Amino acid sequence: MSDYGHDLLFGTFQTPAAADPARVVATARRAERADLDLVTFQDHPYQPAFLDTWTLLSYVAAATHRIRLTGNVLNLPLRQPVVLARAAASLDRLSGGRVELGLGAGAFWDAIEASGGRRLSPGQAVEALDEAIRIIREVWAADRRGGVRVAGEHYRVAGAKRGPAPAHDIGVWIGAYKPRMLGLVGRVADGWLPSLSYLPGGPADLRDLNARIDDAASAAGRDPTAVRRLLNISGEFTTAGSGPLTGPPAQWVEELAGLALEHGISGFILATDDPDTIDRFGAEVAPAVRELVAADRDRSEPDTASPTADPGVRLSDRHPWDESTRPQAPPAPAGHTYTEIGRSAGQHLIDVHDGLRAELAQVRDLLEQVEQGALSAGEARGQLNRLALRSNDWTLGAFCARYCAVVTQHHSLEDGAIFPHLRRTEPGLAPVLDRLQQEHVVIHEVIEEVDRALVALTQRPGDLTELRKAVDLLSDTLLSHLSYEERSIVEPLSRLGFYPGQL
């Protein structure tokens, strides 16, 4: 994939020099005045010549108004995950949702060990980062019941309280270069944040590294476009060009637009502490790159509807299928012209799925309110009546049951009409369609679990434990399945056509 479609971000990568803290803060404010999007700082807690990065981020957040902030990247071995999660969420709330979380697995192990950290092998460091990200996201999930429990090999959390939740969905961006780390990025991260200077082959390496992330994301049931690609860059503005990112602003614009369109880079973070360079980057480079990329995207706007990405978050400990074994749809034929009627068929499938997603969100919201005691049974009934549903005598159980019936009817129509049509017209889709039908059976079984939990709820009105577990599992399976189905058959539906009224 060349362009992952993310909005472009431009920022600075600054030195947190302890010798002149006022200049560090002034430079961050200069980045904001230059209309840049992001200011970042390296994190080496064992380095006495540097300010503590987290303290600096907090100070800069108070000294600015709009610009986003992150460590680039934070040294995980010297930052405990639960505390880091609370710190990030707290600063995000205090700053109005301006914090992202750049994380690294650790590199300078002598210094880390000298500072009280554990020395880990490369494999152990990847495992530890994986566990830490899970812990951090569990802490942020303040609306879930129970404490955080993660029994990892490197981090063990036994019932830590959840919260606070951040003000916005903080992106977890990982600095990574080696295969195992790139696999972790694809499976769980929101962004990839390497440095161009660390790539031996320069920009040419990005193609293979992106492919590793894409493969890992697909194997985990995620849409590869869910992972933003950022890049730390360095360069110099000169009158005449003499090398990559060494030349006039027009050269920078051409090279950065190429990285965006050819390698999917959507975040350019310039390593500089020079105010004039920051000004030129913000005034002469960033707007022109945005313009070039936008123009190219307008020319190559997809002819089919865009599938909804799998959120990648799993609420249940149960895994009723292995997402890595899902067959992939054959590639779309090059140069096909999609008709308006054909595109409407693919879009209609997404619209139907969006309706299912919206109703699932309503079920979860109502469960939360009842579970937390925010609503009595009578109040819950009143809320359900205002959901514009078809009946006026809803209860919590009736709402869940009606929703499950809608899902079942939708799947029955796919199995009995749409899938045979695609089998006849697109034989290469047969393995995908077989898998989708198998997943329909699994989802039906999960719905049956919801039904059984509803029956139990009538016998124990105050105990929603089993219903919570069943709805969590339904959320995991349904959202994952709908995303996989859209990735697989929206394009064939748009190309081959199917009367939307039959869906």
Protein backbone atom coordinates (compact mmCIF):
# COMPACT_ATOMS: atom_id res chain seq x y z
CA MET A 1 0.00 0.00 0.00
CA SER A 2 1.34 3.45 -0.85
CA ASP A 3 -0.87 6.06 0.83
CA TYR A 4 -2.70 5.09 4.02
CA GLY A 5 -4.92 8.16 3.84
CA HIS A 6 -4.19 9.80 7.20
CA ASP A 7 -4.25 13.56 7.63
CA LEU A 8 -0.74 15.00 7.58
CA LEU A 9 1.06 16.10 10.74
CA PHE A 10 4.19 18.25 10.93
CA GLY A 11 6.22 18.70 14.09
CA THR A 12 9.57 19.13 15.76
CA PHE A 13 11.92 16.75 17.55
CA GLN A 14 13.71 18.88 20.16
CA THR A 15 16.59 18.36 22.56
CA PRO A 16 15.45 18.60 26.21
CA ALA A 17 18.66 20.36 27.25
CA ALA A 18 18.83 20.94 31.02
CA ALA A 19 21.43 23.70 30.60
CA ASP A 20 18.88 26.15 29.14
CA PRO A 21 15.30 25.04 30.00
CA ALA A 22 13.83 28.44 29.11
CA ARG A 23 15.14 28.07 25.55
CA VAL A 24 13.64 24.58 25.27
CA VAL A 25 10.19 25.87 26.23
CA ALA A 26 10.55 28.93 23.98
CA THR A 27 11.42 26.67 21.04
CA ALA A 28 8.31 24.57 21.67
CA ARG A 29 6.20 27.72 21.71
CA ARG A 30 7.91 28.78 18.46
CA ALA A 31 6.72 25.51 16.88
CA GLU A 32 3.16 26.33 17.89
CA ARG A 33 3.40 29.85 16.44
CA ALA A 34 4.73 28.31 13.21
CA ASP A 35 1.41 26.41 12.92
CA LEU A 36 3.06 23.03 13.39
CA ASP A 37 0.96 20.22 14.80
CA LEU A 38 3.30 18.44 17.16
CA VAL A 39 6.27 19.01 19.44
CA THR A 40 8.24 16.00 20.66
CA PHE A 41 11.20 15.38 22.96
CA GLN A 42 13.63 12.49 23.24
CA ASP A 43 13.55 10.57 26.50
CA HIS A 44 16.72 9.37 28.21
CA PRO A 45 15.98 9.30 31.98
CA TYR A 46 19.56 8.18 32.69
CA GLN A 47 21.02 11.28 31.00
CA PRO A 48 21.69 14.13 33.51
CA ALA A 49 22.27 16.63 30.70
CA PHE A 50 18.58 16.32 29.77
CA LEU A 51 15.45 17.52 31.50
CA ASP A 52 13.06 14.79 32.56
CA THR A 53 10.87 14.39 29.50
CA TRP A 54 7.57 13.84 31.28
CA THR A 55 8.06 16.87 33.51
CA LEU A 56 9.00 18.89 30.42
CA LEU A 57 5.91 17.74 28.53
CA SER A 58 3.73 18.87 31.42
CA TYR A 59 5.41 22.29 31.56
CA VAL A 60 5.20 22.77 27.79
CA ALA A 61 1.53 21.76 27.81
CA ALA A 62 0.87 24.60 30.26
CA ALA A 63 2.94 27.03 28.17
CA THR A 64 1.10 26.30 24.90
CA HIS A 65 -2.51 26.22 23.75
CA ARG A 66 -2.96 24.12 20.63
CA ILE A 67 0.07 22.04 19.70
CA ARG A 68 0.12 18.31 20.50
CA LEU A 69 2.90 16.71 22.53
CA THR A 70 4.62 13.37 22.93
CA GLY A 71 7.85 11.73 24.00
CA ASN A 72 9.88 10.55 21.04
CA VAL A 73 9.99 7.91 22.34
CA LEU A 74 9.50 7.27 26.06
CA ASN A 75 11.89 4.80 27.67
CA LEU A 76 9.51 2.10 28.88
CA PRO A 77 11.99 0.12 31.02
CA LEU A 78 12.28 3.11 33.38
CA ARG A 79 8.59 4.05 33.38
CA GLN A 80 6.09 1.78 35.15
CA PRO A 81 3.06 1.15 32.87
CA VAL A 82 0.22 1.84 35.34
CA VAL A 83 1.82 5.09 36.50
CA LEU A 84 2.63 6.07 32.90
CA ALA A 85 -0.98 5.41 31.85
CA ARG A 86 -2.32 7.64 34.61
CA ALA A 87 0.26 10.35 33.84
CA ALA A 88 -0.62 10.36 30.13
CA ALA A 89 -4.37 10.41 30.78
CA SER A 90 -3.99 13.15 33.40
CA LEU A 91 -1.92 15.39 31.13
CA ASP A 92 -4.29 14.72 28.25
CA ARG A 93 -7.21 15.91 30.38
CA LEU A 94 -5.29 18.93 31.68
CA SER A 95 -4.17 19.94 28.17
CA GLY A 96 -7.52 19.49 26.45
CA GLY A 97 -6.68 16.27 24.59
CA ARG A 98 -3.24 17.16 23.20
CA VAL A 99 -1.12 14.20 24.32
CA GLU A 100 0.04 11.19 22.30
CA LEU A 101 2.13 8.35 23.69
CA GLY A 102 5.34 7.49 21.88
CA LEU A 103 6.89 4.34 23.36
CA GLY A 104 10.16 2.49 22.93
CA ALA A 105 11.22 -0.91 24.22
CA GLY A 106 14.61 0.34 25.46
CA ALA A 107 18.04 0.43 23.86
CA PHE A 108 20.90 1.64 26.08
CA TRP A 109 20.80 -1.23 28.53
CA ASP A 110 23.96 -0.39 30.49
CA ALA A 111 22.50 3.01 31.35
CA ILE A 112 19.05 1.55 32.01
CA GLU A 113 20.47 -1.07 34.36
CA ALA A 114 22.66 1.51 36.10
CA SER A 115 19.48 3.53 36.77
CA GLY A 116 17.65 0.62 38.37
CA GLY A 117 15.95 -0.85 35.31
CA ARG A 118 15.98 -4.48 34.29
CA ARG A 119 18.30 -5.59 31.49
CA LEU A 120 16.23 -7.43 28.89
CA SER A 121 17.10 -9.34 25.76
CA PRO A 122 15.65 -7.98 22.50
CA GLY A 123 12.91 -10.60 22.57
CA GLN A 124 12.07 -9.89 26.20
CA ALA A 125 11.93 -6.16 25.52
CA VAL A 126 9.31 -6.72 22.81
CA GLU A 127 7.28 -8.94 25.14
CA ALA A 128 7.49 -6.36 27.91
CA LEU A 129 6.32 -3.58 25.59
CA ASP A 130 3.39 -5.71 24.43
CA GLU A 131 2.33 -6.33 28.04
CA ALA A 132 2.77 -2.67 28.95
CA ILE A 133 0.55 -1.47 26.11
CA ARG A 134 -2.17 -3.85 27.22
CA ILE A 135 -1.88 -2.56 30.81
CA ILE A 136 -1.93 1.08 29.70
CA ARG A 137 -5.07 0.61 27.63
CA GLU A 138 -6.75 -1.32 30.43
CA VAL A 139 -6.05 1.55 32.84
CA TRP A 140 -7.53 4.02 30.35
CA ALA A 141 -10.70 1.89 30.06
CA ALA A 142 -12.26 3.62 33.06
CA ASP A 143 -15.79 2.58 32.09
CA ARG A 144 -15.10 -1.14 32.51
CA ARG A 145 -15.84 -3.03 35.69
CA GLY A 146 -13.21 -4.59 37.91
CA GLY A 147 -9.55 -3.84 38.34
CA VAL A 148 -6.78 -4.28 35.80
CA ARG A 149 -5.31 -7.76 35.91
CA VAL A 150 -2.44 -8.70 33.61
CA ALA A 151 -0.29 -11.66 34.58
CA GLY A 152 2.59 -11.13 32.19
CA GLU A 153 6.14 -12.39 32.26
CA HIS A 154 7.52 -8.90 32.79
CA TYR A 155 4.64 -6.92 34.30
CA ARG A 156 2.10 -8.29 36.73
CA VAL A 157 -0.82 -6.08 37.65
CA ALA A 158 -3.22 -7.57 40.19
CA GLY A 159 -6.36 -5.47 40.43
CA ALA A 160 -5.11 -1.91 39.87
CA LYS A 161 -7.99 0.54 39.72
CA ARG A 162 -8.90 1.91 36.31
CA GLY A 163 -8.77 5.54 35.27
CA PRO A 164 -8.68 8.30 34.70
CA ALA A 165 -9.75 8.04 31.07
CA PRO A 166 -7.90 10.41 28.74
CA ALA A 167 -9.73 13.33 27.13
CA HIS A 168 -9.32 11.77 23.68
CA ASP A 169 -8.19 8.44 22.23
CA ILE A 170 -4.46 8.75 22.85
CA GLY A 171 -2.43 7.26 20.03
CA VAL A 172 0.17 4.70 21.03
CA TRP A 173 3.10 5.26 18.63
CA ILE A 174 6.00 2.80 18.72
CA GLY A 175 9.57 3.38 17.64
CA ALA A 176 10.54 0.15 15.86
CA TYR A 177 12.94 -1.26 13.27
CA LYS A 178 13.39 -5.02 13.79
CA PRO A 179 10.90 -7.68 12.61
CA ARG A 180 9.46 -8.59 16.03
CA MET A 181 8.90 -4.96 16.95
CA LEU A 182 7.34 -4.24 13.56
CA GLY A 183 5.04 -7.19 14.13
CA LEU A 184 4.00 -5.68 17.45
CA VAL A 185 3.29 -2.36 15.71
CA GLY A 186 1.00 -4.08 13.24
CA ARG A 187 -0.84 -6.05 15.92
CA VAL A 188 -1.48 -3.42 18.58
CA ALA A 189 -0.12 0.07 17.83
CA ASP A 190 -1.85 3.18 16.55
CA GLY A 191 1.31 4.49 14.94
CA TRP A 192 4.86 3.70 13.86
CA LEU A 193 7.57 6.26 14.68
CA PRO A 194 11.05 5.45 13.31
CA SER A 195 13.87 7.84 12.42
CA LEU A 196 14.91 8.11 8.79
CA SER A 197 18.58 8.40 9.79
CA TYR A 198 18.42 4.91 11.37
CA LEU A 199 17.33 3.24 8.13
CA PRO A 200 20.47 1.92 6.37
CA GLY A 201 18.83 2.07 2.97
CA GLY A 202 17.11 5.39 3.56
CA PRO A 203 13.55 5.84 2.25
CA ALA A 204 13.86 2.66 0.16
CA ASP A 205 13.70 0.63 3.39
CA LEU A 206 10.24 1.98 4.17
CA ARG A 207 8.54 -0.27 1.62
CA ASP A 208 9.70 -3.52 3.23
CA LEU A 209 9.21 -2.26 6.79
CA ASN A 210 5.69 -1.06 5.98
CA ALA A 211 4.94 -4.44 4.43
CA ARG A 212 5.91 -6.20 7.68
CA ILE A 213 3.55 -3.96 9.62
CA ASP A 214 0.77 -4.48 7.08
CA ASP A 215 1.16 -8.26 7.18
CA ALA A 216 1.10 -8.32 10.98
CA ALA A 217 -1.98 -6.08 11.06
CA SER A 218 -3.85 -8.25 8.56
CA ALA A 219 -2.90 -11.43 10.42
CA ALA A 220 -4.34 -9.89 13.61
CA GLY A 221 -7.59 -9.02 11.85
CA ARG A 222 -6.79 -5.30 11.66
CA ASP A 223 -6.95 -2.97 8.69
CA PRO A 224 -3.33 -1.89 7.98
CA THR A 225 -4.57 1.67 7.46
CA ALA A 226 -5.37 1.79 11.20
CA VAL A 227 -1.63 2.25 11.82
CA ARG A 228 -0.41 5.80 11.21
CA ARG A 229 3.14 6.04 9.79
CA LEU A 230 5.29 8.88 11.18
CA LEU A 231 8.94 9.65 10.54
CA ASN A 232 11.64 11.59 12.35
CA ILE A 233 13.61 13.51 9.75
CA SER A 234 16.60 15.86 9.69
CA GLY A 235 17.72 18.32 7.06
CA GLU A 236 19.01 21.77 6.23
CA PHE A 237 17.60 24.61 4.20
CA THR A 238 20.19 25.71 1.60
CA THR A 239 20.08 27.70 -1.60
CA ALA A 240 21.04 24.78 -3.82
CA GLY A 241 20.26 21.12 -3.36
CA SER A 242 23.13 18.88 -2.32
CA GLY A 243 21.40 15.80 -0.91
CA PRO A 244 18.15 14.48 0.60
CA LEU A 245 16.38 17.23 2.58
CA THR A 246 19.35 19.50 1.99
CA GLY A 247 18.25 22.25 -0.31
CA PRO A 248 15.56 24.90 -0.83
CA PRO A 249 12.03 24.47 0.56
CA ALA A 250 10.71 23.39 -2.86
CA GLN A 251 13.03 20.37 -2.75
CA TRP A 252 11.79 19.51 0.74
CA VAL A 253 8.18 19.73 -0.45
CA GLU A 254 8.77 17.35 -3.33
CA GLU A 255 10.66 14.81 -1.21
CA LEU A 256 8.18 14.82 1.70
CA ALA A 257 5.16 14.60 -0.60
CA GLY A 258 6.84 11.60 -2.23
CA LEU A 259 7.28 9.93 1.16
CA ALA A 260 3.60 10.51 1.90
CA LEU A 261 2.28 9.20 -1.40
CA GLU A 262 4.79 6.40 -2.04
CA HIS A 263 5.33 5.13 1.52
CA GLY A 264 2.30 6.31 3.45
CA ILE A 265 4.16 8.63 5.82
CA SER A 266 1.65 11.03 7.36
CA GLY A 267 3.73 12.57 10.15
CA PHE A 268 6.98 14.45 9.53
CA ILE A 269 8.87 15.36 12.70
CA LEU A 270 11.90 17.56 12.07
CA ALA A 271 14.87 17.21 14.43
CA THR A 272 15.85 20.81 15.09
CA ASP A 273 16.23 23.37 17.85
CA ASP A 274 16.75 26.26 15.43
CA PRO A 275 13.90 28.82 15.46
CA ASP A 276 14.43 29.96 11.86
CA THR A 277 14.34 26.38 10.58
CA ILE A 278 11.13 25.79 12.52
CA ASP A 279 9.58 28.90 10.98
CA ARG A 280 10.46 27.88 7.42
CA PHE A 281 9.29 24.30 7.98
CA GLY A 282 5.92 25.58 9.18
CA ALA A 283 5.46 28.39 6.67
CA GLU A 284 7.07 27.12 3.45
CA VAL A 285 7.10 23.33 3.63
CA ALA A 286 4.08 22.01 5.56
CA PRO A 287 1.33 23.88 3.65
CA ALA A 288 2.83 23.03 0.26
CA VAL A 289 3.18 19.32 1.11
CA ARG A 290 -0.43 19.24 2.27
CA GLU A 291 -1.52 20.84 -1.00
CA LEU A 292 0.40 18.38 -3.18
CA VAL A 293 -0.82 15.33 -1.26
CA ALA A 294 -4.42 16.55 -1.24
CA ALA A 295 -4.32 17.12 -5.01
CA ASP A 296 -2.97 13.61 -5.62
CA ARG A 297 -5.56 12.07 -3.32
CA ASP A 298 -8.34 13.90 -5.16
CA ARG A 299 -7.13 12.41 -8.43
CA SER A 300 -6.96 8.89 -7.00
CA GLU A 301 -10.13 8.94 -4.91
CA PRO A 302 -11.27 5.30 -4.54
CA ASP A 303 -14.18 4.19 -6.70
CA THR A 304 -15.61 2.00 -3.97
CA ALA A 305 -16.82 2.67 -0.46
CA SER A 306 -14.19 2.52 2.29
CA PRO A 307 -14.50 -0.47 4.65
CA THR A 308 -14.66 0.29 8.36
CA ALA A 309 -11.44 -0.56 10.20
CA ASP A 310 -11.49 -3.10 13.00
CA PRO A 311 -10.96 -1.13 16.23
CA GLY A 312 -8.54 -3.84 17.36
CA VAL A 313 -9.73 -3.69 20.98
CA ARG A 314 -10.91 -6.95 22.55
CA LEU A 315 -13.08 -6.93 25.66
CA SER A 316 -13.38 -10.66 26.30
CA ASP A 317 -10.69 -13.16 27.25
CA ARG A 318 -12.35 -15.69 24.95
CA HIS A 319 -11.32 -16.03 21.31
CA PRO A 320 -13.84 -18.17 19.40
CA TRP A 321 -11.81 -18.07 16.19
CA ASP A 322 -8.24 -17.47 15.01
CA GLU A 323 -8.20 -14.24 13.00
CA SER A 324 -4.75 -15.02 11.55
CA THR A 325 -6.21 -17.95 9.54
CA ARG A 326 -8.71 -15.81 7.64
CA PRO A 327 -8.34 -16.15 3.85
CA GLN A 328 -7.79 -12.91 1.96
CA ALA A 329 -9.87 -11.80 -1.01
CA PRO A 330 -8.12 -11.76 -4.40
CA PRO A 331 -6.95 -8.30 -5.52
CA ALA A 332 -9.33 -6.14 -7.50
CA PRO A 333 -8.67 -6.01 -11.26
CA ALA A 334 -6.71 -2.97 -12.36
CA GLY A 335 -8.47 -0.26 -14.30
CA HIS A 336 -12.05 -1.30 -13.54
CA THR A 337 -14.66 1.47 -13.83
CA TYR A 338 -17.31 1.23 -11.12
CA THR A 339 -20.87 2.26 -11.89
CA GLU A 340 -22.93 4.32 -9.49
CA ILE A 341 -25.33 1.40 -8.99
CA GLY A 342 -22.42 -0.95 -8.28
CA ARG A 343 -20.88 1.42 -5.75
CA SER A 344 -24.23 1.73 -4.00
CA ALA A 345 -24.28 -2.03 -3.42
CA GLY A 346 -20.97 -1.95 -1.55
CA GLN A 347 -21.93 1.20 0.35
CA HIS A 348 -25.28 -0.30 1.34
CA LEU A 349 -23.54 -3.24 3.00
CA ILE A 350 -21.47 -0.79 5.06
CA ASP A 351 -24.61 1.19 5.91
CA VAL A 352 -26.32 -1.95 7.19
CA HIS A 353 -23.23 -2.83 9.21
CA ASP A 354 -23.09 0.70 10.63
CA GLY A 355 -26.64 0.26 11.85
CA LEU A 356 -25.61 -2.91 13.65
CA ARG A 357 -22.59 -1.16 15.16
CA ALA A 358 -24.72 1.75 16.36
CA GLU A 359 -27.26 -0.53 18.01
CA LEU A 360 -24.49 -2.53 19.64
CA ALA A 361 -23.12 0.71 21.09
CA GLN A 362 -26.57 1.51 22.48
CA VAL A 363 -26.76 -1.90 24.12
CA ARG A 364 -23.36 -1.40 25.73
CA ASP A 365 -24.21 2.09 26.94
CA LEU A 366 -27.42 0.90 28.54
CA LEU A 367 -25.66 -2.03 30.19
CA GLU A 368 -23.10 0.36 31.65
CA GLN A 369 -25.79 2.59 33.15
CA VAL A 370 -27.74 -0.29 34.65
CA GLU A 371 -24.58 -1.98 35.91
CA GLN A 372 -23.31 1.18 37.58
CA GLY A 373 -26.64 1.86 39.20
CA ALA A 374 -27.10 5.09 37.26
CA LEU A 375 -30.52 3.88 36.10
CA SER A 376 -33.25 1.99 37.91
CA ALA A 377 -35.24 -0.62 36.03
CA GLY A 378 -38.02 1.93 35.38
CA GLU A 379 -35.57 4.60 34.20
CA ALA A 380 -33.85 2.08 31.94
CA ARG A 381 -37.22 1.28 30.37
CA GLY A 382 -37.84 4.98 29.75
CA GLN A 383 -34.47 5.37 28.06
CA LEU A 384 -35.11 2.38 25.84
CA ASN A 385 -38.43 3.84 24.75
CA ARG A 386 -36.63 6.96 23.53
CA LEU A 387 -34.36 4.94 21.22
CA ALA A 388 -37.03 5.10 18.47
CA LEU A 389 -37.40 1.36 18.43
CA ARG A 390 -40.48 -0.37 17.10
CA SER A 391 -42.15 -1.26 20.38
CA ASN A 392 -43.19 0.74 23.40
CA ASP A 393 -42.84 -2.03 25.99
CA TRP A 394 -39.10 -2.58 25.95
CA THR A 395 -37.03 -3.94 28.79
CA LEU A 396 -33.27 -4.43 28.87
CA GLY A 397 -33.68 -8.04 27.82
CA ALA A 398 -36.16 -7.28 25.05
CA PHE A 399 -33.79 -4.72 23.53
CA CYS A 400 -30.88 -7.19 23.50
CA ALA A 401 -33.09 -9.92 22.10
CA ARG A 402 -34.42 -7.68 19.30
CA TYR A 403 -30.89 -6.61 18.40
CA CYS A 404 -29.68 -10.21 18.24
CA ALA A 405 -32.62 -11.11 16.01
CA VAL A 406 -31.69 -8.32 13.57
CA VAL A 407 -28.12 -9.61 13.35
CA THR A 408 -29.36 -13.15 12.71
CA GLN A 409 -31.70 -12.01 9.93
CA HIS A 410 -28.90 -10.04 8.26
CA HIS A 411 -26.57 -13.01 8.29
CA SER A 412 -29.29 -15.34 6.97
CA LEU A 413 -29.78 -13.03 3.98
CA GLU A 414 -26.07 -12.92 3.25
CA ASP A 415 -25.76 -16.71 3.44
CA GLY A 416 -28.88 -17.32 1.34
CA ALA A 417 -28.60 -14.63 -1.35
CA ILE A 418 -25.50 -12.45 -1.49
CA PHE A 419 -22.89 -15.16 -1.00
CA PRO A 420 -24.24 -17.49 -3.72
CA HIS A 421 -24.29 -14.52 -6.10
CA LEU A 422 -20.63 -13.78 -5.36
CA ARG A 423 -19.68 -17.47 -5.64
CA ARG A 424 -21.15 -17.60 -9.12
CA THR A 425 -19.57 -14.40 -10.35
CA GLU A 426 -16.24 -14.39 -8.43
CA PRO A 427 -15.01 -18.00 -7.84
CA GLY A 428 -11.78 -16.76 -6.23
CA LEU A 429 -13.82 -15.50 -3.28
CA ALA A 430 -14.96 -19.00 -2.30
CA PRO A 431 -12.48 -19.48 0.62
CA VAL A 432 -13.41 -16.07 2.02
CA LEU A 433 -17.13 -16.76 1.72
CA ASP A 434 -16.69 -20.15 3.41
CA ARG A 435 -14.93 -18.43 6.30
CA LEU A 436 -17.58 -15.72 6.56
CA GLN A 437 -20.31 -18.35 6.78
CA GLN A 438 -18.36 -20.20 9.47
CA GLU A 439 -18.10 -16.97 11.44
CA HIS A 440 -21.84 -16.41 11.05
CA VAL A 441 -22.36 -19.74 12.82
CA VAL A 442 -20.02 -18.68 15.62
CA ILE A 443 -21.80 -15.34 16.03
CA HIS A 444 -25.13 -17.16 16.16
CA GLU A 445 -23.75 -19.29 19.00
CA VAL A 446 -22.57 -16.13 20.79
CA ILE A 447 -26.04 -14.63 20.37
CA GLU A 448 -27.45 -17.78 21.96
CA GLU A 449 -25.17 -17.09 24.93
CA VAL A 450 -26.66 -13.61 25.18
CA ASP A 451 -30.13 -15.17 25.14
CA ARG A 452 -29.20 -17.57 27.93
CA ALA A 453 -27.73 -14.70 29.95
CA LEU A 454 -30.99 -12.79 29.51
CA VAL A 455 -32.93 -15.72 30.91
CA ALA A 456 -30.56 -15.85 33.88
CA LEU A 457 -31.05 -12.11 34.37
CA THR A 458 -34.76 -12.60 34.91
CA GLN A 459 -33.93 -15.04 37.70
CA ARG A 460 -31.25 -12.80 39.26
CA PRO A 461 -32.35 -9.23 38.43
CA GLY A 462 -29.37 -7.52 40.02
CA ASP A 463 -26.61 -9.72 38.62
CA LEU A 464 -25.46 -8.68 35.14
CA THR A 465 -22.16 -10.59 35.25
CA GLU A 466 -23.02 -13.23 32.68
CA LEU A 467 -24.82 -10.77 30.42
CA ARG A 468 -21.78 -8.49 30.52
CA LYS A 469 -19.49 -11.35 29.51
CA ALA A 470 -21.82 -12.40 26.71
CA VAL A 471 -22.20 -8.88 25.33
CA ASP A 472 -18.41 -8.33 25.51
CA LEU A 473 -17.89 -11.47 23.47
CA LEU A 474 -20.60 -10.40 21.02
CA SER A 475 -18.86 -7.02 20.62
CA ASP A 476 -15.51 -8.67 19.91
CA THR A 477 -16.80 -11.17 17.41
CA LEU A 478 -19.26 -8.93 15.62
CA LEU A 479 -17.01 -5.88 15.15
CA SER A 480 -14.11 -8.04 14.00
CA HIS A 481 -16.36 -9.97 11.61
CA LEU A 482 -18.05 -6.92 10.10
CA SER A 483 -14.68 -5.32 9.36
CA TYR A 484 -13.31 -8.51 7.78
CA GLU A 485 -16.46 -8.91 5.69
CA GLU A 486 -16.28 -5.33 4.42
CA ARG A 487 -12.59 -5.65 3.53
CA SER A 488 -13.38 -8.82 1.63
CA ILE A 489 -16.60 -8.18 -0.30
CA VAL A 490 -17.32 -4.44 -0.54
CA GLU A 491 -15.12 -4.19 -3.63
CA PRO A 492 -16.57 -7.28 -5.38
CA LEU A 493 -20.10 -6.09 -4.59
CA SER A 494 -19.25 -2.67 -6.03
CA ARG A 495 -17.78 -4.24 -9.17
CA LEU A 496 -20.27 -7.05 -9.73
CA GLY A 497 -23.39 -5.31 -8.42
CA PHE A 498 -26.20 -6.51 -6.27
CA TYR A 499 -29.59 -4.92 -5.72
CA PRO A 500 -29.32 -3.16 -2.35
CA GLY A 501 -32.93 -3.88 -1.41
CA GLN A 502 -32.01 -7.54 -1.08
CA LEU A 503 -29.49 -6.95 1.70
